[in-house]
């Protein structure tokens, strides 16, 4: 899996460029929140990182409450070794 970090958006208005910083974006409401219901998403982790995977899940649950998103228990998949 590969990821990219995108640059903050810029708004072009009346010959101006308005820069949106991270703090401003955090204050905006989520327009279309996606609820993660039971058996609709997976958490994949290396077996040796089971406690870290659980910590990520718990952190997601706490953050989701503040954002108005429902997160239920994922389908857990553990890999026996990192190369799987």
PDB file of N, CA and C in Angstrom:
ATOM      1  N   UNK A   1       0.847  -1.151   0.000  1.00  0.00           N
ATOM      2  CA  UNK A   1       0.000   0.000   0.000  1.00  0.00           C
ATOM      3  C   UNK A   1       0.907   1.232   0.000  1.00  0.00           C
ATOM      4  N   UNK A   2       0.583   2.170  -0.833  1.00  0.00           N
ATOM      5  CA  UNK A   2       1.341   3.417  -0.847  1.00  0.00           C
ATOM      6  C   UNK A   2       0.396   4.566  -0.522  1.00  0.00           C
ATOM      7  N   UNK A   3       0.954   5.623   0.042  1.00  0.00           N
ATOM      8  CA  UNK A   3       0.148   6.775   0.417  1.00  0.00           C
ATOM      9  C   UNK A   3       0.824   8.054  -0.040  1.00  0.00           C
ATOM     10  N   UNK A   4       0.057   9.102  -0.120  1.00  0.00           N
ATOM     11  CA  UNK A   4       0.571  10.425  -0.460  1.00  0.00           C
ATOM     12  C   UNK A   4      -0.023  11.439   0.503  1.00  0.00           C
ATOM     13  N   UNK A   5       0.776  12.402   0.885  1.00  0.00           N
ATOM     14  CA  UNK A   5       0.272  13.510   1.688  1.00  0.00           C
ATOM     15  C   UNK A   5       0.057  14.674   0.734  1.00  0.00           C
ATOM     16  N   UNK A   6      -1.176  15.136   0.664  1.00  0.00           N
ATOM     17  CA  UNK A   6      -1.512  16.212  -0.253  1.00  0.00           C
ATOM     18  C   UNK A   6      -1.221  17.568   0.375  1.00  0.00           C
ATOM     19  N   UNK A   7      -0.934  18.521  -0.464  1.00  0.00           N
ATOM     20  CA  UNK A   7      -0.718  19.892  -0.013  1.00  0.00           C
ATOM     21  C   UNK A   7      -2.052  20.474   0.455  1.00  0.00           C
ATOM     22  N   UNK A   8      -2.004  21.431   1.384  1.00  0.00           N
ATOM     23  CA  UNK A   8      -3.256  22.074   1.807  1.00  0.00           C
ATOM     24  C   UNK A   8      -3.927  22.753   0.614  1.00  0.00           C
ATOM     25  N   UNK A   9      -5.249  22.791   0.602  1.00  0.00           N
ATOM     26  CA  UNK A   9      -5.951  23.409  -0.523  1.00  0.00           C
ATOM     27  C   UNK A   9      -5.760  24.924  -0.559  1.00  0.00           C
ATOM     28  N   UNK A  10      -5.908  25.461  -1.749  1.00  0.00           N
ATOM     29  CA  UNK A  10      -5.889  26.910  -1.948  1.00  0.00           C
ATOM     30  C   UNK A  10      -7.210  27.290  -2.599  1.00  0.00           C
ATOM     31  N   UNK A  11      -7.774  28.392  -2.170  1.00  0.00           N
ATOM     32  CA  UNK A  11      -9.029  28.877  -2.729  1.00  0.00           C
ATOM     33  C   UNK A  11      -8.715  30.123  -3.544  1.00  0.00           C
ATOM     34  N   UNK A  12      -9.127  30.108  -4.792  1.00  0.00           N
ATOM     35  CA  UNK A  12      -8.907  31.256  -5.676  1.00  0.00           C
ATOM     36  C   UNK A  12     -10.194  32.064  -5.733  1.00  0.00           C
ATOM     37  N   UNK A  13     -10.117  33.344  -5.313  1.00  0.00           N
ATOM     38  CA  UNK A  13     -11.314  34.169  -5.260  1.00  0.00           C
ATOM     39  C   UNK A  13     -10.932  35.618  -5.563  1.00  0.00           C
ATOM     40  N   UNK A  14     -11.566  36.183  -6.567  1.00  0.00           N
ATOM     41  CA  UNK A  14     -11.379  37.599  -6.915  1.00  0.00           C
ATOM     42  C   UNK A  14      -9.909  38.001  -6.958  1.00  0.00           C
ATOM     43  N   UNK A  15      -9.150  37.320  -7.761  1.00  0.00           N
ATOM     44  CA  UNK A  15      -7.714  37.598  -7.924  1.00  0.00           C
ATOM     45  C   UNK A  15      -6.921  37.453  -6.628  1.00  0.00           C
ATOM     46  N   UNK A  16      -7.405  36.664  -5.704  1.00  0.00           N
ATOM     47  CA  UNK A  16      -6.709  36.379  -4.447  1.00  0.00           C
ATOM     48  C   UNK A  16      -6.511  34.882  -4.317  1.00  0.00           C
ATOM     49  N   UNK A  17      -5.494  34.513  -3.601  1.00  0.00           N
ATOM     50  CA  UNK A  17      -5.305  33.114  -3.229  1.00  0.00           C
ATOM     51  C   UNK A  17      -5.443  33.036  -1.724  1.00  0.00           C
ATOM     52  N   UNK A  18      -6.407  32.244  -1.263  1.00  0.00           N
ATOM     53  CA  UNK A  18      -6.640  32.067   0.161  1.00  0.00           C
ATOM     54  C   UNK A  18      -6.053  30.711   0.548  1.00  0.00           C
ATOM     55  N   UNK A  19      -5.078  30.730   1.442  1.00  0.00           N
ATOM     56  CA  UNK A  19      -4.445  29.492   1.899  1.00  0.00           C
ATOM     57  C   UNK A  19      -5.200  28.948   3.108  1.00  0.00           C
ATOM     58  N   UNK A  20      -5.493  27.680   3.089  1.00  0.00           N
ATOM     59  CA  UNK A  20      -6.160  27.018   4.213  1.00  0.00           C
ATOM     60  C   UNK A  20      -5.113  26.257   5.005  1.00  0.00           C
ATOM     61  N   UNK A  21      -4.839  26.703   6.221  1.00  0.00           N
ATOM     62  CA  UNK A  21      -3.881  25.983   7.035  1.00  0.00           C
ATOM     63  C   UNK A  21      -4.573  24.834   7.772  1.00  0.00           C
ATOM     64  N   UNK A  22      -3.770  23.983   8.395  1.00  0.00           N
ATOM     65  CA  UNK A  22      -4.304  22.801   9.057  1.00  0.00           C
ATOM     66  C   UNK A  22      -5.286  23.161  10.172  1.00  0.00           C
ATOM     67  N   UNK A  23      -4.991  24.214  10.920  1.00  0.00           N
ATOM     68  CA  UNK A  23      -5.880  24.616  12.012  1.00  0.00           C
ATOM     69  C   UNK A  23      -7.259  25.020  11.484  1.00  0.00           C
ATOM     70  N   UNK A  24      -7.292  25.749  10.377  1.00  0.00           N
ATOM     71  CA  UNK A  24      -8.571  26.163   9.787  1.00  0.00           C
ATOM     72  C   UNK A  24      -9.347  24.949   9.290  1.00  0.00           C
ATOM     73  N   UNK A  25      -8.651  23.995   8.687  1.00  0.00           N
ATOM     74  CA  UNK A  25      -9.324  22.798   8.182  1.00  0.00           C
ATOM     75  C   UNK A  25      -9.898  21.955   9.322  1.00  0.00           C
ATOM     76  N   UNK A  26      -9.219  21.918  10.449  1.00  0.00           N
ATOM     77  CA  UNK A  26      -9.701  21.131  11.598  1.00  0.00           C
ATOM     78  C   UNK A  26     -10.990  21.707  12.179  1.00  0.00           C
ATOM     79  N   UNK A  27     -11.220  22.998  12.012  1.00  0.00           N
ATOM     80  CA  UNK A  27     -12.431  23.627  12.545  1.00  0.00           C
ATOM     81  C   UNK A  27     -13.656  23.377  11.668  1.00  0.00           C
ATOM     82  N   UNK A  28     -13.447  22.958  10.432  1.00  0.00           N
ATOM     83  CA  UNK A  28     -14.566  22.736   9.522  1.00  0.00           C
ATOM     84  C   UNK A  28     -15.274  21.427   9.846  1.00  0.00           C
ATOM     85  N   UNK A  29     -16.590  21.375   9.706  1.00  0.00           N
ATOM     86  CA  UNK A  29     -17.302  20.116   9.944  1.00  0.00           C
ATOM     87  C   UNK A  29     -17.051  19.132   8.799  1.00  0.00           C
ATOM     88  N   UNK A  30     -17.157  17.864   9.118  1.00  0.00           N
ATOM     89  CA  UNK A  30     -17.044  16.834   8.082  1.00  0.00           C
ATOM     90  C   UNK A  30     -18.346  16.843   7.288  1.00  0.00           C
ATOM     91  N   UNK A  31     -18.235  16.965   5.987  1.00  0.00           N
ATOM     92  CA  UNK A  31     -19.418  17.098   5.142  1.00  0.00           C
ATOM     93  C   UNK A  31     -20.188  15.788   4.992  1.00  0.00           C
ATOM     94  N   UNK A  32     -19.476  14.694   4.785  1.00  0.00           N
ATOM     95  CA  UNK A  32     -20.119  13.395   4.568  1.00  0.00           C
ATOM     96  C   UNK A  32     -19.390  12.327   5.381  1.00  0.00           C
ATOM     97  N   UNK A  33     -19.664  12.250   6.686  1.00  0.00           N
ATOM     98  CA  UNK A  33     -18.964  11.254   7.503  1.00  0.00           C
ATOM     99  C   UNK A  33     -19.342   9.834   7.092  1.00  0.00           C
ATOM    100  N   UNK A  34     -18.385   8.947   7.178  1.00  0.00           N
ATOM    101  CA  UNK A  34     -18.608   7.546   6.833  1.00  0.00           C
ATOM    102  C   UNK A  34     -18.528   6.730   8.111  1.00  0.00           C
ATOM    103  N   UNK A  35     -19.606   6.036   8.430  1.00  0.00           N
ATOM    104  CA  UNK A  35     -19.633   5.169   9.603  1.00  0.00           C
ATOM    105  C   UNK A  35     -19.015   3.831   9.250  1.00  0.00           C
ATOM    106  N   UNK A  36     -18.183   3.320  10.140  1.00  0.00           N
ATOM    107  CA  UNK A  36     -17.556   2.017   9.940  1.00  0.00           C
ATOM    108  C   UNK A  36     -18.301   1.009  10.793  1.00  0.00           C
ATOM    109  N   UNK A  37     -19.209   0.291  10.163  1.00  0.00           N
ATOM    110  CA  UNK A  37     -20.053  -0.675  10.869  1.00  0.00           C
ATOM    111  C   UNK A  37     -19.340  -2.015  11.005  1.00  0.00           C
ATOM    112  N   UNK A  38     -19.845  -2.821  11.921  1.00  0.00           N
ATOM    113  CA  UNK A  38     -19.272  -4.145  12.152  1.00  0.00           C
ATOM    114  C   UNK A  38     -19.227  -4.943  10.852  1.00  0.00           C
ATOM    115  N   UNK A  39     -18.127  -5.592  10.637  1.00  0.00           N
ATOM    116  CA  UNK A  39     -17.893  -6.445   9.461  1.00  0.00           C
ATOM    117  C   UNK A  39     -17.874  -5.672   8.146  1.00  0.00           C
ATOM    118  N   UNK A  40     -17.727  -4.340   8.192  1.00  0.00           N
ATOM    119  CA  UNK A  40     -17.626  -3.561   6.958  1.00  0.00           C
ATOM    120  C   UNK A  40     -16.215  -3.045   6.731  1.00  0.00           C
ATOM    121  N   UNK A  41     -15.329  -3.279   7.682  1.00  0.00           N
ATOM    122  CA  UNK A  41     -13.957  -2.815   7.527  1.00  0.00           C
ATOM    123  C   UNK A  41     -13.014  -3.775   8.244  1.00  0.00           C
ATOM    124  N   UNK A  42     -11.746  -3.708   7.887  1.00  0.00           N
ATOM    125  CA  UNK A  42     -10.763  -4.631   8.449  1.00  0.00           C
ATOM    126  C   UNK A  42      -9.610  -3.868   9.088  1.00  0.00           C
ATOM    127  N   UNK A  43      -9.026  -4.493  10.085  1.00  0.00           N
ATOM    128  CA  UNK A  43      -7.792  -4.000  10.704  1.00  0.00           C
ATOM    129  C   UNK A  43      -6.765  -5.107  10.489  1.00  0.00           C
ATOM    130  N   UNK A  44      -5.734  -4.813   9.706  1.00  0.00           N
ATOM    131  CA  UNK A  44      -4.692  -5.791   9.388  1.00  0.00           C
ATOM    132  C   UNK A  44      -3.427  -5.384  10.133  1.00  0.00           C
ATOM    133  N   UNK A  45      -2.828  -6.339  10.830  1.00  0.00           N
ATOM    134  CA  UNK A  45      -1.652  -6.025  11.626  1.00  0.00           C
ATOM    135  C   UNK A  45      -0.747  -7.248  11.734  1.00  0.00           C
ATOM    136  N   UNK A  46       0.530  -7.003  11.994  1.00  0.00           N
ATOM    137  CA  UNK A  46       1.469  -8.090  12.243  1.00  0.00           C
ATOM    138  C   UNK A  46       1.196  -8.638  13.637  1.00  0.00           C
ATOM    139  N   UNK A  47       1.300  -9.932  13.797  1.00  0.00           N
ATOM    140  CA  UNK A  47       0.954 -10.567  15.067  1.00  0.00           C
ATOM    141  C   UNK A  47       1.716  -9.945  16.231  1.00  0.00           C
ATOM    142  N   UNK A  48       2.960  -9.586  16.014  1.00  0.00           N
ATOM    143  CA  UNK A  48       3.763  -9.023  17.107  1.00  0.00           C
ATOM    144  C   UNK A  48       3.304  -7.612  17.487  1.00  0.00           C
ATOM    145  N   UNK A  49       2.446  -6.995  16.682  1.00  0.00           N
ATOM    146  CA  UNK A  49       1.956  -5.637  16.956  1.00  0.00           C
ATOM    147  C   UNK A  49       0.491  -5.619  17.379  1.00  0.00           C
ATOM    148  N   UNK A  50       0.020  -6.695  17.966  1.00  0.00           N
ATOM    149  CA  UNK A  50      -1.400  -6.787  18.323  1.00  0.00           C
ATOM    150  C   UNK A  50      -1.827  -5.661  19.272  1.00  0.00           C
ATOM    151  N   UNK A  51      -1.016  -5.356  20.283  1.00  0.00           N
ATOM    152  CA  UNK A  51      -1.391  -4.313  21.231  1.00  0.00           C
ATOM    153  C   UNK A  51      -1.410  -2.938  20.559  1.00  0.00           C
ATOM    154  N   UNK A  52      -0.515  -2.710  19.607  1.00  0.00           N
ATOM    155  CA  UNK A  52      -0.518  -1.443  18.883  1.00  0.00           C
ATOM    156  C   UNK A  52      -1.749  -1.324  17.998  1.00  0.00           C
ATOM    157  N   UNK A  53      -2.156  -2.415  17.373  1.00  0.00           N
ATOM    158  CA  UNK A  53      -3.362  -2.399  16.538  1.00  0.00           C
ATOM    159  C   UNK A  53      -4.583  -2.083  17.394  1.00  0.00           C
ATOM    160  N   UNK A  54      -4.648  -2.666  18.572  1.00  0.00           N
ATOM    161  CA  UNK A  54      -5.768  -2.402  19.478  1.00  0.00           C
ATOM    162  C   UNK A  54      -5.761  -0.938  19.917  1.00  0.00           C
ATOM    163  N   UNK A  55      -4.565  -0.394  20.153  1.00  0.00           N
ATOM    164  CA  UNK A  55      -4.440   1.016  20.545  1.00  0.00           C
ATOM    165  C   UNK A  55      -4.933   1.935  19.422  1.00  0.00           C
ATOM    166  N   UNK A  56      -4.597   1.621  18.177  1.00  0.00           N
ATOM    167  CA  UNK A  56      -5.065   2.419  17.034  1.00  0.00           C
ATOM    168  C   UNK A  56      -6.586   2.390  16.972  1.00  0.00           C
ATOM    169  N   UNK A  57      -7.154   1.212  17.135  1.00  0.00           N
ATOM    170  CA  UNK A  57      -8.616   1.065  17.109  1.00  0.00           C
ATOM    171  C   UNK A  57      -9.269   1.897  18.222  1.00  0.00           C
ATOM    172  N   UNK A  58      -8.735   1.822  19.436  1.00  0.00           N
ATOM    173  CA  UNK A  58      -9.295   2.581  20.554  1.00  0.00           C
ATOM    174  C   UNK A  58      -9.180   4.090  20.311  1.00  0.00           C
ATOM    175  N   UNK A  59      -8.060   4.536  19.750  1.00  0.00           N
ATOM    176  CA  UNK A  59      -7.877   5.953  19.430  1.00  0.00           C
ATOM    177  C   UNK A  59      -8.875   6.396  18.364  1.00  0.00           C
ATOM    178  N   UNK A  60      -9.096   5.549  17.363  1.00  0.00           N
ATOM    179  CA  UNK A  60     -10.083   5.864  16.329  1.00  0.00           C
ATOM    180  C   UNK A  60     -11.468   6.008  16.928  1.00  0.00           C
ATOM    181  N   UNK A  61     -11.824   5.128  17.860  1.00  0.00           N
ATOM    182  CA  UNK A  61     -13.144   5.204  18.497  1.00  0.00           C
ATOM    183  C   UNK A  61     -13.304   6.511  19.270  1.00  0.00           C
ATOM    184  N   UNK A  62     -12.282   6.908  20.009  1.00  0.00           N
ATOM    185  CA  UNK A  62     -12.370   8.157  20.774  1.00  0.00           C
ATOM    186  C   UNK A  62     -12.491   9.364  19.838  1.00  0.00           C
ATOM    187  N   UNK A  63     -11.679   9.407  18.788  1.00  0.00           N
ATOM    188  CA  UNK A  63     -11.717  10.537  17.853  1.00  0.00           C
ATOM    189  C   UNK A  63     -13.032  10.569  17.087  1.00  0.00           C
ATOM    190  N   UNK A  64     -13.574   9.403  16.768  1.00  0.00           N
ATOM    191  CA  UNK A  64     -14.798   9.346  15.970  1.00  0.00           C
ATOM    192  C   UNK A  64     -15.987   9.951  16.714  1.00  0.00           C
ATOM    193  N   UNK A  65     -16.016   9.815  18.023  1.00  0.00           N
ATOM    194  CA  UNK A  65     -17.118  10.389  18.814  1.00  0.00           C
ATOM    195  C   UNK A  65     -17.164  11.905  18.638  1.00  0.00           C
ATOM    196  N   UNK A  66     -15.999  12.538  18.659  1.00  0.00           N
ATOM    197  CA  UNK A  66     -15.924  13.990  18.513  1.00  0.00           C
ATOM    198  C   UNK A  66     -16.322  14.430  17.110  1.00  0.00           C
ATOM    199  N   UNK A  67     -16.132  13.548  16.133  1.00  0.00           N
ATOM    200  CA  UNK A  67     -16.427  13.876  14.737  1.00  0.00           C
ATOM    201  C   UNK A  67     -17.826  13.445  14.310  1.00  0.00           C
ATOM    202  N   UNK A  68     -18.558  12.771  15.195  1.00  0.00           N
ATOM    203  CA  UNK A  68     -19.897  12.311  14.845  1.00  0.00           C
ATOM    204  C   UNK A  68     -19.890  11.095  13.931  1.00  0.00           C
ATOM    205  N   UNK A  69     -18.857  10.276  14.029  1.00  0.00           N
ATOM    206  CA  UNK A  69     -18.726   9.076  13.200  1.00  0.00           C
ATOM    207  C   UNK A  69     -18.859   7.859  14.113  1.00  0.00           C
ATOM    208  N   UNK A  70     -19.575   6.852  13.635  1.00  0.00           N
ATOM    209  CA  UNK A  70     -19.716   5.611  14.392  1.00  0.00           C
ATOM    210  C   UNK A  70     -18.685   4.604  13.900  1.00  0.00           C
ATOM    211  N   UNK A  71     -17.945   4.032  14.837  1.00  0.00           N
ATOM    212  CA  UNK A  71     -16.980   2.985  14.489  1.00  0.00           C
ATOM    213  C   UNK A  71     -17.295   1.775  15.346  1.00  0.00           C
ATOM    214  N   UNK A  72     -17.568   0.668  14.680  1.00  0.00           N
ATOM    215  CA  UNK A  72     -17.822  -0.586  15.377  1.00  0.00           C
ATOM    216  C   UNK A  72     -16.622  -1.513  15.171  1.00  0.00           C
ATOM    217  N   UNK A  73     -16.628  -2.623  15.860  1.00  0.00           N
ATOM    218  CA  UNK A  73     -15.523  -3.590  15.821  1.00  0.00           C
ATOM    219  C   UNK A  73     -15.196  -3.995  14.380  1.00  0.00           C
ATOM    220  N   UNK A  74     -13.910  -3.951  13.996  1.00  0.00           N
ATOM    221  CA  UNK A  74     -13.535  -4.365  12.643  1.00  0.00           C
ATOM    222  C   UNK A  74     -13.409  -5.884  12.547  1.00  0.00           C
ATOM    223  N   UNK A  75     -13.193  -6.345  11.365  1.00  0.00           N
ATOM    224  CA  UNK A  75     -12.790  -7.731  11.148  1.00  0.00           C
ATOM    225  C   UNK A  75     -11.276  -7.722  11.289  1.00  0.00           C
ATOM    226  N   UNK A  76     -10.741  -8.403  12.304  1.00  0.00           N
ATOM    227  CA  UNK A  76      -9.305  -8.388  12.593  1.00  0.00           C
ATOM    228  C   UNK A  76      -8.582  -9.441  11.763  1.00  0.00           C
ATOM    229  N   UNK A  77      -7.520  -9.038  11.099  1.00  0.00           N
ATOM    230  CA  UNK A  77      -6.677  -9.966  10.328  1.00  0.00           C
ATOM    231  C   UNK A  77      -5.243  -9.774  10.800  1.00  0.00           C
ATOM    232  N   UNK A  78      -4.644 -10.827  11.290  1.00  0.00           N
ATOM    233  CA  UNK A  78      -3.258 -10.715  11.708  1.00  0.00           C
ATOM    234  C   UNK A  78      -2.371 -11.538  10.786  1.00  0.00           C
ATOM    235  N   UNK A  79      -1.208 -10.997  10.524  1.00  0.00           N
ATOM    236  CA  UNK A  79      -0.233 -11.665   9.687  1.00  0.00           C
ATOM    237  C   UNK A  79       0.793 -12.367  10.562  1.00  0.00           C
ATOM    238  N   UNK A  80       1.120 -13.576  10.189  1.00  0.00           N
ATOM    239  CA  UNK A  80       2.075 -14.331  11.015  1.00  0.00           C
ATOM    240  C   UNK A  80       3.464 -13.738  10.977  1.00  0.00           C
ATOM    241  N   UNK A  81       3.854 -13.213   9.819  1.00  0.00           N
ATOM    242  CA  UNK A  81       5.138 -12.501   9.752  1.00  0.00           C
ATOM    243  C   UNK A  81       4.969 -11.295   8.845  1.00  0.00           C
ATOM    244  N   UNK A  82       5.883 -10.362   8.959  1.00  0.00           N
ATOM    245  CA  UNK A  82       5.747  -9.080   8.246  1.00  0.00           C
ATOM    246  C   UNK A  82       5.734  -9.200   6.737  1.00  0.00           C
ATOM    247  N   UNK A  83       6.263 -10.261   6.188  1.00  0.00           N
ATOM    248  CA  UNK A  83       6.384 -10.393   4.739  1.00  0.00           C
ATOM    249  C   UNK A  83       5.130 -10.929   4.071  1.00  0.00           C
ATOM    250  N   UNK A  84       4.096 -11.256   4.847  1.00  0.00           N
ATOM    251  CA  UNK A  84       2.836 -11.771   4.269  1.00  0.00           C
ATOM    252  C   UNK A  84       2.062 -10.676   3.589  1.00  0.00           C
TER     253      UNK A  84
END
